[in-house]
Each structure stands twice: as C-alpha cells, then as structure tokens.
C-alpha cells in the first residue's frame, strides 16, 4: 500500500479489539496527526491498553486496520512488518527495563539488535538518548538504583534508541507521585517540541491529560466505542455528554464539600 500523503501518521479504521468471543471495543475510527501528543483515555476496564497493544501489533484484532505511515501493521509480514516496527518505540506501564543491565546497556540493546554500528557509536547514541531525558549522569546505574520516575524516563530513552517517528506510552504516570508525574510530563513535552516526535499516550491522569494532550479520544466501556474526541479543555467545558464532563471535572467534584 502506498504511503499516506496526509498529515495523519496513524490511521485506525473499523478496528475491533477483542479476545476470542469477548469484544472489548468495536468499529473504532480515528487518526493521529504527525507531531501531536494524542491521548487515549477513559475509565477503568474500557480497553485503553488493549487498544494500544493492537495499534503496536502485539495483538491481532478480529477486524480492522492500523496504518502507520501508510503501512498496515495488521496484515504486514516479514521484512515489511519489521520495517513498521522500527518506526515506533514503546514504553510499557512498568518501564520493563532489564534489571541486570545498566541504563546505558538498556538503551544500547535495540541498537545492538537492529543496527550494524560500532561499539563506540552505539554508546554515543545511547548517551545522547539518556541526555534527552536528563539521565546521562546515571548511565552506569542499575534500574534498582534509581527512582520509579527515573525508570520511566530511562524507558523512554530506550524507546527512542532507533530514532522512531512515534512513541507509544502506556500509563506513563502510573505509580508516580504528583511532582514526579509532572516532571515526566515536562520530559514528554520537551521531546515533542524539540524532536517533533508523535506521541500516543494511554492515561487517565487528569493533570497529565491537561498538560500534554493536543487531542484525546475517550473510550466507553458500555458502548465499546469512542464517545468523545478533541481538545480535553474544550471537552471539559462544552461536551454535551454528561459522562464526558464528569470524567474531566472529577477532581473538582471531589474537592467540593458536602452540604
């Protein structure tokens, strides 16, 4: 299939997400624009992480397509599939760093696997990636020797090892305190602004959503579909769907004293 000539770097069409006879989401249609921070959100159990795993080719959807720069990851095989996979990086929810490797070795791993670069070249690139997330002074540290927030940043550095056009982040703020989460948000914004990388982020954390998201889609467990799409600040104030306004205003509601 020819590469897309639109501004959309990802196009999801008629996608159904499920496991056997259990359908989690059905007939999803949305696109992600090149260079934007796109957030997938919704309540617990609505299928956010399942959707992401279908988008990165970890699971095969029952129906539908996921075009990444014009190539369908659902149907691609062999070298064509491998080519798609090298165009994006993934940061999983728990970071998934290898505990027996230093941060430098973790970032170098993909370079060793997928390139023919010299040892010194791979180390230089890995250090550059660690520097982008503020972790260069910790290159010789093991994952167990750094904080949870630093582990998440190291995982982003590793996801950037092959200079991908897209980064997928699954619940990057999970398990982090508000200050550390805010620091991670600033790291994401910095990478987006300075490198023009497209981000697809799964999260339900409101402070992060309002800080980083250019655009969101909101998934709904009951309808198994998308019930809102757009700027989160606009949706918070103007959505005509009560469930959407409730989601975006839940912190303010929680702070309102009972009468």
Protein backbone atom coordinates (compact mmCIF):
# COMPACT_ATOMS: atom_id res chain seq x y z
CA UNK A 1 0.00 0.00 0.00
CA UNK A 2 1.32 3.46 -0.84
CA UNK A 3 2.44 5.69 1.97
CA UNK A 4 -0.16 8.22 3.07
CA UNK A 5 0.24 11.75 1.79
CA UNK A 6 -1.94 13.29 4.51
CA UNK A 7 -0.85 14.80 7.82
CA UNK A 8 -2.02 11.62 9.56
CA UNK A 9 0.84 9.42 10.72
CA UNK A 10 -1.58 6.79 12.11
CA UNK A 11 -4.99 5.87 10.73
CA UNK A 12 -7.23 3.39 12.55
CA UNK A 13 -10.19 2.13 10.53
CA UNK A 14 -13.12 -0.09 11.59
CA UNK A 15 -10.97 -1.62 14.33
CA UNK A 16 -12.44 -4.20 16.68
CA UNK A 17 -10.49 -5.13 19.81
CA UNK A 18 -11.25 -8.42 21.50
CA UNK A 19 -10.11 -11.75 22.80
CA UNK A 20 -11.94 -14.71 21.33
CA UNK A 21 -15.65 -14.06 21.69
CA UNK A 22 -15.09 -11.22 24.18
CA UNK A 23 -15.35 -7.93 22.27
CA UNK A 24 -13.79 -5.04 24.20
CA UNK A 25 -14.10 -2.29 21.57
CA UNK A 26 -15.77 -2.28 18.16
CA UNK A 27 -15.68 -0.29 14.93
CA UNK A 28 -13.15 2.33 16.06
CA UNK A 29 -12.20 5.02 13.56
CA UNK A 30 -9.68 7.75 14.38
CA UNK A 31 -6.39 9.21 13.22
CA UNK A 32 -3.27 10.64 14.84
CA UNK A 33 -1.65 13.68 13.27
CA UNK A 34 2.07 13.88 12.71
CA UNK A 35 3.85 15.61 15.61
CA UNK A 36 0.92 15.78 18.02
CA UNK A 37 0.53 14.35 21.53
CA UNK A 38 -2.53 12.14 21.23
CA UNK A 39 -4.07 10.71 24.41
CA UNK A 40 -6.30 7.66 24.75
CA UNK A 41 -8.37 7.90 27.92
CA UNK A 42 -11.40 6.50 29.67
CA UNK A 43 -12.49 4.74 32.84
CA UNK A 44 -11.03 1.52 34.20
CA UNK A 45 -11.70 -1.53 32.05
CA UNK A 46 -12.69 0.42 28.93
CA UNK A 47 -9.91 -1.11 26.82
CA UNK A 48 -7.28 1.67 26.68
CA UNK A 49 -4.24 -0.58 26.98
CA UNK A 50 -5.83 -3.27 24.83
CA UNK A 51 -6.29 -0.71 22.05
CA UNK A 52 -2.67 0.36 22.32
CA UNK A 53 -1.48 -3.26 22.13
CA UNK A 54 -3.47 -3.69 18.92
CA UNK A 55 -2.02 -0.48 17.50
CA UNK A 56 1.56 -1.67 18.05
CA UNK A 57 0.90 -5.13 16.61
CA UNK A 58 1.23 -7.00 19.90
CA UNK A 59 -2.25 -8.46 19.41
CA UNK A 60 -4.10 -9.11 16.17
CA UNK A 61 -7.55 -7.52 16.03
CA UNK A 62 -10.56 -9.55 14.84
CA UNK A 63 -11.29 -6.87 12.21
CA UNK A 64 -9.97 -3.53 11.04
CA UNK A 65 -6.70 -1.89 10.06
CA UNK A 66 -3.98 0.19 11.70
CA UNK A 67 -1.98 2.18 9.17
CA UNK A 68 1.34 3.50 10.45
CA UNK A 69 2.79 5.90 7.89
CA UNK A 70 0.55 4.24 5.31
CA UNK A 71 1.50 0.64 6.10
CA UNK A 72 -0.98 -1.73 7.75
CA UNK A 73 0.61 -3.36 10.79
CA UNK A 74 -2.29 -5.83 11.00
CA UNK A 75 -1.56 -7.51 7.66
CA UNK A 76 2.17 -6.80 7.19
CA UNK A 77 4.52 -9.77 7.36
CA UNK A 78 8.24 -10.45 7.28
CA UNK A 79 10.52 -7.57 6.34
CA UNK A 80 7.57 -5.23 5.77
CA UNK A 81 6.34 -5.79 9.33
CA UNK A 82 9.84 -5.37 10.74
CA UNK A 83 10.13 -2.07 8.90
CA UNK A 84 6.93 -0.82 10.55
CA UNK A 85 8.07 -1.95 13.99
CA UNK A 86 11.28 0.08 13.77
CA UNK A 87 9.29 3.24 13.07
CA UNK A 88 7.95 3.46 16.60
CA UNK A 89 9.10 2.93 20.17
CA UNK A 90 7.09 1.71 23.17
CA UNK A 91 7.25 2.49 26.87
CA UNK A 92 5.30 -0.10 28.81
CA UNK A 93 3.45 0.68 32.02
CA UNK A 94 6.11 -0.60 34.44
CA UNK A 95 9.05 0.59 32.35
CA UNK A 96 10.16 -3.00 31.63
CA UNK A 97 13.87 -2.23 31.98
CA UNK A 98 16.21 -5.21 32.23
CA UNK A 99 17.32 -5.33 35.85
CA UNK A 100 20.66 -6.97 35.10
CA UNK A 101 21.74 -4.16 32.75
CA UNK A 102 22.83 -0.59 33.39
CA UNK A 103 20.77 2.23 31.95
CA UNK A 104 23.31 2.63 29.15
CA UNK A 105 23.14 -1.08 28.34
CA UNK A 106 19.33 -0.98 28.36
CA UNK A 107 19.26 1.82 25.80
CA UNK A 108 22.01 0.21 23.70
CA UNK A 109 20.10 -3.08 23.47
CA UNK A 110 17.96 -2.17 20.44
CA UNK A 111 20.96 -0.68 18.68
CA UNK A 112 22.85 -3.95 19.13
CA UNK A 113 19.86 -5.90 17.84
CA UNK A 114 18.88 -3.82 14.83
CA UNK A 115 21.98 -1.93 13.64
CA UNK A 116 25.50 -2.66 12.45
CA UNK A 117 27.04 0.28 14.28
CA UNK A 118 30.40 0.12 16.05
CA UNK A 119 30.53 -0.21 19.84
CA UNK A 120 31.56 3.41 20.35
CA UNK A 121 28.83 4.65 18.01
CA UNK A 122 26.14 2.71 19.86
CA UNK A 123 27.35 4.03 23.21
CA UNK A 124 27.38 7.60 21.89
CA UNK A 125 23.79 7.32 20.63
CA UNK A 126 22.64 5.71 23.89
CA UNK A 127 24.23 8.52 25.91
CA UNK A 128 22.51 11.09 23.70
CA UNK A 129 19.14 9.47 24.39
CA UNK A 130 19.80 9.38 28.13
CA UNK A 131 20.82 13.04 27.98
CA UNK A 132 17.49 13.91 26.32
CA UNK A 133 15.63 12.61 29.39
CA UNK A 134 18.09 14.05 31.92
CA UNK A 135 19.72 10.77 32.91
CA UNK A 136 23.21 10.95 31.44
CA UNK A 137 24.86 11.17 34.90
CA UNK A 138 23.16 7.86 35.77
CA UNK A 139 24.26 5.83 32.73
CA UNK A 140 26.15 3.29 34.89
CA UNK A 141 23.31 2.83 37.39
CA UNK A 142 21.17 -0.30 37.52
CA UNK A 143 17.38 0.17 37.35
CA UNK A 144 17.07 -0.87 41.01
CA UNK A 145 19.34 2.03 41.99
CA UNK A 146 17.11 4.80 40.60
CA UNK A 147 13.61 6.06 41.39
CA UNK A 148 10.40 5.00 39.66
CA UNK A 149 10.20 8.27 37.77
CA UNK A 150 13.77 7.88 36.56
CA UNK A 151 12.98 4.34 35.43
CA UNK A 152 10.11 5.68 33.32
CA UNK A 153 12.40 8.28 31.75
CA UNK A 154 15.04 5.62 31.07
CA UNK A 155 12.37 3.52 29.37
CA UNK A 156 11.50 6.49 27.13
CA UNK A 157 15.19 6.88 26.27
CA UNK A 158 15.33 3.20 25.29
CA UNK A 159 12.16 3.59 23.20
CA UNK A 160 13.92 6.40 21.29
CA UNK A 161 17.06 4.36 20.56
CA UNK A 162 16.26 3.78 16.87
CA UNK A 163 15.07 7.37 16.25
CA UNK A 164 11.38 6.44 15.82
CA UNK A 165 8.77 8.80 14.42
CA UNK A 166 6.23 7.69 17.05
CA UNK A 167 6.39 6.88 20.76
CA UNK A 168 3.64 4.86 22.42
CA UNK A 169 3.43 5.31 26.21
CA UNK A 170 1.22 3.05 28.33
CA UNK A 171 0.18 4.75 31.59
CA UNK A 172 3.48 6.64 32.00
CA UNK A 173 2.37 8.30 35.27
CA UNK A 174 1.18 5.07 36.93
CA UNK A 175 2.63 4.70 40.42
CA UNK A 176 4.27 8.14 40.45
CA UNK A 177 3.69 10.93 42.94
CA UNK A 178 2.28 14.21 41.57
CA UNK A 179 5.66 16.01 41.46
CA UNK A 180 7.43 13.16 39.68
CA UNK A 181 4.50 12.78 37.30
CA UNK A 182 4.66 16.49 36.45
CA UNK A 183 8.40 16.17 35.75
CA UNK A 184 7.70 13.29 33.39
CA UNK A 185 5.06 15.37 31.61
CA UNK A 186 7.67 18.08 31.02
CA UNK A 187 10.06 15.47 29.60
CA UNK A 188 7.36 14.37 27.13
CA UNK A 189 6.62 17.98 26.14
CA UNK A 190 10.32 18.73 25.67
CA UNK A 191 10.85 15.73 23.40
CA UNK A 192 7.72 16.59 21.42
CA UNK A 193 8.74 20.22 20.90
CA UNK A 194 12.43 19.64 20.23
CA UNK A 195 12.29 16.47 18.11
CA UNK A 196 8.79 16.59 16.61
CA UNK A 197 8.08 13.01 17.68
CA UNK A 198 4.44 11.94 17.64
CA UNK A 199 3.20 10.61 20.98
CA UNK A 200 0.30 8.22 21.61
CA UNK A 201 -0.28 8.12 25.36
CA UNK A 202 -2.66 5.95 27.37
CA UNK A 203 -3.57 7.60 30.66
CA UNK A 204 -6.45 8.53 32.93
CA UNK A 205 -4.46 11.08 34.99
CA UNK A 206 -6.19 14.45 34.58
CA UNK A 207 -3.18 16.68 35.35
CA UNK A 208 -1.16 14.89 32.68
CA UNK A 209 -4.01 14.99 30.18
CA UNK A 210 -4.47 18.75 30.52
CA UNK A 211 -0.71 19.37 30.46
CA UNK A 212 0.41 17.32 27.47
CA UNK A 213 -2.57 16.42 25.26
CA UNK A 214 -3.13 18.17 21.97
CA UNK A 215 -6.11 15.91 21.32
CA UNK A 216 -7.82 12.99 23.04
CA UNK A 217 -10.26 10.21 22.39
CA UNK A 218 -12.37 8.92 25.26
CA UNK A 219 -13.36 5.26 25.26
CA UNK A 220 -16.53 3.98 26.89
CA UNK A 221 -16.90 0.51 28.41
CA UNK A 222 -20.69 0.34 27.90
CA UNK A 223 -20.87 1.37 24.25
CA UNK A 224 -17.48 -0.26 23.43
CA UNK A 225 -16.59 2.77 21.38
CA UNK A 226 -15.36 6.37 21.28
CA UNK A 227 -17.74 8.80 22.97
CA UNK A 228 -15.61 11.97 22.73
CA UNK A 229 -12.75 13.35 20.65
CA UNK A 230 -10.98 16.69 20.70
CA UNK A 231 -9.20 19.19 22.94
CA UNK A 232 -9.59 18.00 26.57
CA UNK A 233 -10.06 21.53 27.91
CA UNK A 234 -12.87 22.15 25.42
CA UNK A 235 -14.49 18.82 26.22
CA UNK A 236 -14.35 19.59 29.94
CA UNK A 237 -16.42 22.74 29.47
CA UNK A 238 -18.54 22.11 26.39
CA UNK A 239 -19.19 18.41 25.80
CA UNK A 240 -22.90 17.65 25.57
CA UNK A 241 -22.31 14.20 27.08
CA UNK A 242 -22.64 14.22 30.90
CA UNK A 243 -20.27 11.26 31.34
CA UNK A 244 -17.52 13.13 29.47
CA UNK A 245 -17.92 16.31 31.52
CA UNK A 246 -18.00 14.21 34.70
CA UNK A 247 -14.73 12.49 33.74
CA UNK A 248 -12.90 15.75 33.10
CA UNK A 249 -14.32 17.52 36.15
CA UNK A 250 -13.99 14.68 38.65
CA UNK A 251 -11.17 16.29 40.65
CA UNK A 252 -13.15 19.49 41.13
CA UNK A 253 -16.20 17.46 42.12
CA UNK A 254 -14.17 15.50 44.66
CA UNK A 255 -12.97 18.74 46.27
CA UNK A 256 -16.49 20.19 46.60
CA UNK A 257 -17.60 19.92 50.26
CA UNK A 258 -20.88 18.19 51.01
CA UNK A 259 -23.77 20.38 52.18
